C-alpha atoms as a PDB file:
ATOM      1  CA  MET A   1      96.762 132.427  87.172  1.00  0.00           C
ATOM      2  CA  CYS A   2      98.756 135.657  87.468  1.00  0.00           C
ATOM      3  CA  GLY A   3     102.327 134.517  86.862  1.00  0.00           C
ATOM      4  CA  LYS A   4     103.614 135.634  90.271  1.00  0.00           C
ATOM      5  CA  LEU A   5     106.614 133.591  91.384  1.00  0.00           C
ATOM      6  CA  LEU A   6     107.081 132.724  95.044  1.00  0.00           C
ATOM      7  CA  GLY A   7     109.975 130.806  96.558  1.00  0.00           C
ATOM      8  CA  GLN A   8     108.003 128.564  98.888  1.00  0.00           C
ATOM      9  CA  LEU A   9     104.916 126.452  98.279  1.00  0.00           C
ATOM     10  CA  ALA A  10     103.331 127.760 101.494  1.00  0.00           C
ATOM     11  CA  HIS A  11     103.711 131.352 100.262  1.00  0.00           C
ATOM     12  CA  LEU A  12     102.130 130.415  96.928  1.00  0.00           C
ATOM     13  CA  ALA A  13      99.176 128.792  98.701  1.00  0.00           C
ATOM     14  CA  ARG A  14      98.743 131.853 100.908  1.00  0.00           C
ATOM     15  CA  HIS A  15      98.874 134.122  97.831  1.00  0.00           C
ATOM     16  CA  ILE A  16      96.267 132.072  95.961  1.00  0.00           C
ATOM     17  CA  ASN A  17      93.949 131.954  98.972  1.00  0.00           C
ATOM     18  CA  SER A  18      94.084 135.651  99.821  1.00  0.00           C
ATOM     19  CA  ILE A  19      94.382 137.192  96.346  1.00  0.00           C
ATOM     20  CA  HIS A  20      92.695 134.860  93.863  1.00  0.00           C
ATOM     21  CA  LEU A  21      90.164 133.082  96.080  1.00  0.00           C
ATOM     22  CA  GLN A  22      89.583 136.194  98.207  1.00  0.00           C
ATOM     23  CA  ILE A  23      89.737 134.207 101.470  1.00  0.00           C
ATOM     24  CA  LYS A  24      90.022 136.865 104.154  1.00  0.00           C
ATOM     25  CA  ASP A  25      89.677 135.292 107.584  1.00  0.00           C
ATOM     26  CA  HIS A  26      91.297 138.095 109.595  1.00  0.00           C
ATOM     27  CA  VAL A  27      88.664 140.732 110.439  1.00  0.00           C
ATOM     28  CA  CYS A  28      89.257 144.086 112.113  1.00  0.00           C
ATOM     29  CA  LYS A  29      87.079 144.340 115.237  1.00  0.00           C
ATOM     30  CA  GLU A  30      87.084 148.126 114.930  1.00  0.00           C
ATOM     31  CA  CYS A  31      85.707 148.589 111.388  1.00  0.00           C
ATOM     32  CA  GLY A  32      84.960 145.127 109.992  1.00  0.00           C
ATOM     33  CA  LYS A  33      87.494 145.245 107.141  1.00  0.00           C
ATOM     34  CA  SER A  34      88.878 141.786 106.375  1.00  0.00           C
ATOM     35  CA  PHE A  35      92.346 140.635 105.346  1.00  0.00           C
ATOM     36  CA  GLY A  36      93.890 137.474 103.966  1.00  0.00           C
ATOM     37  CA  LEU A  37      96.950 137.743 106.181  1.00  0.00           C
ATOM     38  CA  LYS A  38      97.132 138.394 109.910  1.00  0.00           C
ATOM     39  CA  SER A  39     100.121 140.666 109.327  1.00  0.00           C
ATOM     40  CA  ASN A  40      98.011 142.841 107.003  1.00  0.00           C
ATOM     41  CA  LEU A  41      95.341 143.134 109.712  1.00  0.00           C
ATOM     42  CA  SER A  42      97.971 144.193 112.253  1.00  0.00           C
ATOM     43  CA  GLN A  43      99.369 146.725 109.804  1.00  0.00           C
ATOM     44  CA  HIS A  44      95.853 148.089 109.168  1.00  0.00           C
ATOM     45  CA  ILE A  45      95.192 148.495 112.900  1.00  0.00           C
ATOM     46  CA  ASN A  46      98.500 150.292 113.418  1.00  0.00           C
ATOM     47  CA  GLU A  47      98.064 152.658 110.469  1.00  0.00           C
ATOM     48  CA  VAL A  48      94.328 153.353 110.474  1.00  0.00           C
ATOM     49  CA  HIS A  49      93.128 152.983 114.049  1.00  0.00           C
ATOM     50  CA  LEU A  50      96.228 153.616 116.163  1.00  0.00           C
ATOM     51  CA  LYS A  51      97.508 156.301 113.766  1.00  0.00           C
ATOM     52  CA  LEU A  52     101.087 155.014 113.920  1.00  0.00           C
ATOM     53  CA  ILE A  53     102.153 156.928 110.824  1.00  0.00           C
ATOM     54  CA  ALA A  54     105.866 157.360 110.261  1.00  0.00           C
ATOM     55  CA  HIS A  55     106.505 158.368 106.638  1.00  0.00           C
ATOM     56  CA  GLU A  56     105.713 161.843 105.278  1.00  0.00           C
ATOM     57  CA  CYS A  57     105.874 163.055 101.688  1.00  0.00           C
ATOM     58  CA  LYS A  58     108.153 166.091 101.518  1.00  0.00           C
ATOM     59  CA  GLU A  59     106.258 167.408  98.457  1.00  0.00           C
ATOM     60  CA  CYS A  60     102.690 167.494  99.781  1.00  0.00           C
ATOM     61  CA  GLY A  61     102.880 166.578 103.473  1.00  0.00           C
ATOM     62  CA  LYS A  62     100.754 163.422 103.149  1.00  0.00           C
ATOM     63  CA  THR A  63     101.631 160.844 105.789  1.00  0.00           C
ATOM     64  CA  LEU A  64     101.685 157.116 105.150  1.00  0.00           C
ATOM     65  CA  GLY A  65     102.185 154.204 107.503  1.00  0.00           C
ATOM     66  CA  ARG A  66     104.635 152.263 105.363  1.00  0.00           C
ATOM     67  CA  LYS A  67     107.710 153.332 103.440  1.00  0.00           C
ATOM     68  CA  ASP A  68     106.733 151.307 100.361  1.00  0.00           C
ATOM     69  CA  ASN A  69     103.406 153.159 100.237  1.00  0.00           C
ATOM     70  CA  LEU A  70     105.265 156.460 100.455  1.00  0.00           C
ATOM     71  CA  MET A  71     107.492 155.416  97.553  1.00  0.00           C
ATOM     72  CA  LYS A  72     104.436 154.389  95.528  1.00  0.00           C
ATOM     73  CA  HIS A  73     102.780 157.733  96.350  1.00  0.00           C
ATOM     74  CA  ILE A  74     105.866 159.636  95.178  1.00  0.00           C
ATOM     75  CA  ASP A  75     105.978 157.681  91.907  1.00  0.00           C
ATOM     76  CA  ILE A  76     102.281 158.047  91.105  1.00  0.00           C
ATOM     77  CA  VAL A  77     101.408 161.479  92.503  1.00  0.00           C
ATOM     78  CA  ASN A  78     104.613 163.513  92.485  1.00  0.00           C
ATOM     79  CA  LEU A  79     106.373 161.982  89.469  1.00  0.00           C
ATOM     80  CA  ASN A  80     103.119 161.143  87.627  1.00  0.00           C
ATOM     81  CA  LEU A  81     104.387 157.669  86.658  1.00  0.00           C
ATOM     82  CA  LYS A  82     101.574 155.659  85.105  1.00  0.00           C
ATOM     83  CA  GLU A  83     103.014 152.343  83.976  1.00  0.00           C
ATOM     84  CA  HIS A  84      99.777 150.323  83.779  1.00  0.00           C
ATOM     85  CA  LYS A  85      98.095 150.966  80.419  1.00  0.00           C
ATOM     86  CA  CYS A  86      94.651 149.776  79.374  1.00  0.00           C
ATOM     87  CA  GLU A  87      94.875 147.973  76.030  1.00  0.00           C
ATOM     88  CA  GLU A  88      91.284 148.861  75.138  1.00  0.00           C
ATOM     89  CA  CYS A  89      91.279 152.651  75.617  1.00  0.00           C
ATOM     90  CA  ASP A  90      94.979 153.549  76.119  1.00  0.00           C
ATOM     91  CA  GLN A  91      94.267 155.176  79.500  1.00  0.00           C
ATOM     92  CA  SER A  92      97.204 154.786  81.900  1.00  0.00           C
ATOM     93  CA  PHE A  93      97.210 154.225  85.650  1.00  0.00           C
ATOM     94  CA  GLY A  94      99.828 154.485  88.363  1.00  0.00           C
ATOM     95  CA  ASP A  95      98.426 151.508  90.238  1.00  0.00           C
ATOM     96  CA  LYS A  96      97.590 148.105  88.747  1.00  0.00           C
ATOM     97  CA  SER A  97      94.462 147.817  90.905  1.00  0.00           C
ATOM     98  CA  ASN A  98      93.061 150.964  89.259  1.00  0.00           C
ATOM     99  CA  LEU A  99      93.672 149.433  85.832  1.00  0.00           C
ATOM    100  CA  MET A 100      91.938 146.219  86.901  1.00  0.00           C
ATOM    101  CA  HIS A 101      88.986 148.260  88.199  1.00  0.00           C
ATOM    102  CA  GLN A 102      88.790 150.072  84.830  1.00  0.00           C
ATOM    103  CA  ILE A 103      88.773 146.771  82.939  1.00  0.00           C
ATOM    104  CA  GLY A 104      86.223 145.190  85.273  1.00  0.00           C
ATOM    105  CA  THR A 105      83.769 148.089  85.315  1.00  0.00           C
ATOM    106  CA  ILE A 106      84.184 150.010  82.053  1.00  0.00           C
ATOM    107  CA  HIS A 107      85.311 147.344  79.567  1.00  0.00           C
ATOM    108  CA  ILE A 108      83.136 144.412  80.649  1.00  0.00           C
END
């Protein structure tokens, strides 16, 4: 489907269910947002509802709950890295999900 390689069959099944089949059985009681993995629900609760934010961008002061999200923010916003290019219109995006949204809504 997407070419992602995972070391264990159980991880592959979990990936297919949550990403490709959009099975999201873990629902936040606070806001109703659903997640494919229980760990993602817990992370959401900690970051969004409990405001357990630990990582701050030194450039703009934005705070993020996870270090990997901070690193992504720095790459896309501060360094203006846009590695995901649309083959139809040559527009570039810092995040693959934004490219996929462009393809799915603009280039149908």
